[in-house]
Amino acid sequence: MEKIVEQALLYDFYGELLTEHQRQVYEDVVMNDYSISEVAQERGISRQGVHDMIKRCGKILDDYEQKLHLVEKFVSIREKVHEIHRLTKEDASGVRSEQLVRIEKISEEILEEL
């Protein structure tokens, strides 16, 4: 998985478990793409402090994922639903039963919720 997408998913799932200060710094650097220098100056902390906090937050988020596997499960479910959706559109006979139409609709609903 691309590193930026992975960081965003980890933050989406576990970000609320960080302190408010950690969340603000992590969001500024990782999600909003501010430089470490900008964040350090704005927050009144050293560049090294910002750098260390980003690394610490990344490790915290990774540790939660290692224990809970929520991102892994989310990605797996999303892939399976995409596959179901694709298969319902590939009906070789050209005739789509009511069940296939219903399955397609359910898979679309699940994808929207994810």
C-alpha atoms as a PDB file:
ATOM      1  CA  MET A   1       0.000   0.000   0.000  1.00  0.00           C
ATOM      2  CA  GLU A   2       1.279   3.466  -0.823  1.00  0.00           C
ATOM      3  CA  LYS A   3       2.830   5.080   2.273  1.00  0.00           C
ATOM      4  CA  ILE A   4       0.671   8.234   2.175  1.00  0.00           C
ATOM      5  CA  VAL A   5      -2.542   6.217   1.848  1.00  0.00           C
ATOM      6  CA  GLU A   6      -1.402   3.908   4.628  1.00  0.00           C
ATOM      7  CA  GLN A   7      -0.643   6.853   6.930  1.00  0.00           C
ATOM      8  CA  ALA A   8      -4.039   8.389   6.173  1.00  0.00           C
ATOM      9  CA  LEU A   9      -5.864   5.121   6.899  1.00  0.00           C
ATOM     10  CA  LEU A  10      -3.948   4.563  10.123  1.00  0.00           C
ATOM     11  CA  TYR A  11      -4.771   8.095  11.206  1.00  0.00           C
ATOM     12  CA  ASP A  12      -8.430   7.699  10.228  1.00  0.00           C
ATOM     13  CA  PHE A  13      -8.749   4.578  12.340  1.00  0.00           C
ATOM     14  CA  TYR A  14      -6.516   5.390  15.299  1.00  0.00           C
ATOM     15  CA  GLY A  15      -5.899   9.143  15.274  1.00  0.00           C
ATOM     16  CA  GLU A  16      -8.405   9.799  18.048  1.00  0.00           C
ATOM     17  CA  LEU A  17      -6.196   7.729  20.345  1.00  0.00           C
ATOM     18  CA  LEU A  18      -3.400  10.308  20.085  1.00  0.00           C
ATOM     19  CA  THR A  19      -3.318  13.315  22.384  1.00  0.00           C
ATOM     20  CA  GLU A  20      -4.730  16.579  21.049  1.00  0.00           C
ATOM     21  CA  HIS A  21      -1.216  18.023  20.676  1.00  0.00           C
ATOM     22  CA  GLN A  22       0.024  14.913  18.852  1.00  0.00           C
ATOM     23  CA  ARG A  23      -2.992  15.010  16.516  1.00  0.00           C
ATOM     24  CA  GLN A  24      -2.446  18.678  15.665  1.00  0.00           C
ATOM     25  CA  VAL A  25       1.248  18.244  14.887  1.00  0.00           C
ATOM     26  CA  TYR A  26       0.704  14.985  12.977  1.00  0.00           C
ATOM     27  CA  GLU A  27      -2.127  16.479  10.923  1.00  0.00           C
ATOM     28  CA  ASP A  28      -0.101  19.578  10.083  1.00  0.00           C
ATOM     29  CA  VAL A  29       2.947  17.661   8.873  1.00  0.00           C
ATOM     30  CA  VAL A  30       1.501  14.452   7.438  1.00  0.00           C
ATOM     31  CA  MET A  31      -2.032  15.336   6.364  1.00  0.00           C
ATOM     32  CA  ASN A  32      -1.681  19.044   5.529  1.00  0.00           C
ATOM     33  CA  ASP A  33       1.888  18.785   4.178  1.00  0.00           C
ATOM     34  CA  TYR A  34       3.327  21.651   6.228  1.00  0.00           C
ATOM     35  CA  SER A  35       7.080  21.635   6.673  1.00  0.00           C
ATOM     36  CA  ILE A  36       8.606  20.632   9.975  1.00  0.00           C
ATOM     37  CA  SER A  37      10.023  24.147  10.256  1.00  0.00           C
ATOM     38  CA  GLU A  38       6.608  25.749   9.769  1.00  0.00           C
ATOM     39  CA  VAL A  39       5.006  23.549  12.407  1.00  0.00           C
ATOM     40  CA  ALA A  40       7.895  24.064  14.846  1.00  0.00           C
ATOM     41  CA  GLN A  41       7.657  27.829  14.507  1.00  0.00           C
ATOM     42  CA  GLU A  42       3.855  27.875  14.785  1.00  0.00           C
ATOM     43  CA  ARG A  43       3.812  25.577  17.839  1.00  0.00           C
ATOM     44  CA  GLY A  44       6.856  27.073  19.545  1.00  0.00           C
ATOM     45  CA  ILE A  45       8.819  23.820  19.635  1.00  0.00           C
ATOM     46  CA  SER A  46      12.072  22.744  18.019  1.00  0.00           C
ATOM     47  CA  ARG A  47      12.278  21.175  14.578  1.00  0.00           C
ATOM     48  CA  GLN A  48      13.769  18.104  16.261  1.00  0.00           C
ATOM     49  CA  GLY A  49      10.793  17.997  18.624  1.00  0.00           C
ATOM     50  CA  VAL A  50       8.372  18.021  15.684  1.00  0.00           C
ATOM     51  CA  HIS A  51      10.383  15.360  13.883  1.00  0.00           C
ATOM     52  CA  ASP A  52      10.484  13.134  16.974  1.00  0.00           C
ATOM     53  CA  MET A  53       6.752  13.580  17.563  1.00  0.00           C
ATOM     54  CA  ILE A  54       5.920  12.578  13.972  1.00  0.00           C
ATOM     55  CA  LYS A  55       8.046   9.442  14.295  1.00  0.00           C
ATOM     56  CA  ARG A  56       6.523   8.641  17.711  1.00  0.00           C
ATOM     57  CA  CYS A  57       2.977   9.143  16.407  1.00  0.00           C
ATOM     58  CA  GLY A  58       3.691   6.936  13.402  1.00  0.00           C
ATOM     59  CA  LYS A  59       4.966   4.215  15.704  1.00  0.00           C
ATOM     60  CA  ILE A  60       1.938   4.554  17.991  1.00  0.00           C
ATOM     61  CA  LEU A  61      -0.438   4.236  15.031  1.00  0.00           C
ATOM     62  CA  ASP A  62       1.514   1.254  13.664  1.00  0.00           C
ATOM     63  CA  ASP A  63       1.440  -0.417  17.077  1.00  0.00           C
ATOM     64  CA  TYR A  64      -2.347  -0.063  17.259  1.00  0.00           C
ATOM     65  CA  GLU A  65      -2.649  -1.617  13.802  1.00  0.00           C
ATOM     66  CA  GLN A  66      -0.347  -4.505  14.791  1.00  0.00           C
ATOM     67  CA  LYS A  67      -2.648  -5.258  17.723  1.00  0.00           C
ATOM     68  CA  LEU A  68      -6.080  -4.547  16.247  1.00  0.00           C
ATOM     69  CA  HIS A  69      -5.686  -5.049  12.450  1.00  0.00           C
ATOM     70  CA  LEU A  70      -8.587  -2.682  11.683  1.00  0.00           C
ATOM     71  CA  VAL A  71      -6.973  -1.161   8.573  1.00  0.00           C
ATOM     72  CA  GLU A  72      -6.034  -4.602   7.277  1.00  0.00           C
ATOM     73  CA  LYS A  73      -9.611  -5.821   7.737  1.00  0.00           C
ATOM     74  CA  PHE A  74     -11.032  -2.659   6.148  1.00  0.00           C
ATOM     75  CA  VAL A  75      -8.833  -3.007   3.044  1.00  0.00           C
ATOM     76  CA  SER A  76      -9.671  -6.706   2.747  1.00  0.00           C
ATOM     77  CA  ILE A  77     -13.428  -6.091   2.992  1.00  0.00           C
ATOM     78  CA  ARG A  78     -13.236  -3.240   0.494  1.00  0.00           C
ATOM     79  CA  GLU A  79     -11.363  -5.435  -2.001  1.00  0.00           C
ATOM     80  CA  LYS A  80     -13.861  -8.284  -1.618  1.00  0.00           C
ATOM     81  CA  VAL A  81     -16.831  -5.970  -2.101  1.00  0.00           C
ATOM     82  CA  HIS A  82     -15.191  -4.509  -5.216  1.00  0.00           C
ATOM     83  CA  GLU A  83     -14.775  -8.061  -6.509  1.00  0.00           C
ATOM     84  CA  ILE A  84     -18.437  -8.888  -5.803  1.00  0.00           C
ATOM     85  CA  HIS A  85     -19.469  -5.704  -7.564  1.00  0.00           C
ATOM     86  CA  ARG A  86     -17.279  -6.563 -10.569  1.00  0.00           C
ATOM     87  CA  LEU A  87     -18.597 -10.127 -10.766  1.00  0.00           C
ATOM     88  CA  THR A  88     -22.226  -9.004 -10.748  1.00  0.00           C
ATOM     89  CA  LYS A  89     -21.514  -6.849 -13.790  1.00  0.00           C
ATOM     90  CA  GLU A  90     -19.809  -9.718 -15.675  1.00  0.00           C
ATOM     91  CA  ASP A  91     -22.817 -11.998 -15.998  1.00  0.00           C
ATOM     92  CA  ALA A  92     -21.954 -13.886 -19.210  1.00  0.00           C
ATOM     93  CA  SER A  93     -25.531 -14.667 -20.220  1.00  0.00           C
ATOM     94  CA  GLY A  94     -26.422 -11.005 -20.523  1.00  0.00           C
ATOM     95  CA  VAL A  95     -29.533 -11.655 -18.430  1.00  0.00           C
ATOM     96  CA  ARG A  96     -29.307 -10.258 -14.944  1.00  0.00           C
ATOM     97  CA  SER A  97     -31.426 -11.926 -12.316  1.00  0.00           C
ATOM     98  CA  GLU A  98     -33.080  -9.988  -9.535  1.00  0.00           C
ATOM     99  CA  GLN A  99     -30.570 -11.505  -7.110  1.00  0.00           C
ATOM    100  CA  LEU A 100     -27.633 -10.185  -9.117  1.00  0.00           C
ATOM    101  CA  VAL A 101     -29.175  -6.730  -9.270  1.00  0.00           C
ATOM    102  CA  ARG A 102     -29.783  -6.833  -5.525  1.00  0.00           C
ATOM    103  CA  ILE A 103     -26.223  -8.040  -4.822  1.00  0.00           C
ATOM    104  CA  GLU A 104     -24.858  -5.240  -6.973  1.00  0.00           C
ATOM    105  CA  LYS A 105     -26.945  -2.676  -5.086  1.00  0.00           C
ATOM    106  CA  ILE A 106     -25.826  -4.031  -1.707  1.00  0.00           C
ATOM    107  CA  SER A 107     -22.171  -3.970  -2.774  1.00  0.00           C
ATOM    108  CA  GLU A 108     -22.556  -0.355  -3.923  1.00  0.00           C
ATOM    109  CA  GLU A 109     -24.098   0.555  -0.559  1.00  0.00           C
ATOM    110  CA  ILE A 110     -21.271  -1.139   1.333  1.00  0.00           C
ATOM    111  CA  LEU A 111     -18.647   0.650  -0.761  1.00  0.00           C
ATOM    112  CA  GLU A 112     -20.280   3.995  -0.066  1.00  0.00           C
ATOM    113  CA  GLU A 113     -20.247   3.287   3.672  1.00  0.00           C
ATOM    114  CA  LEU A 114     -16.576   2.259   3.623  1.00  0.00           C
END
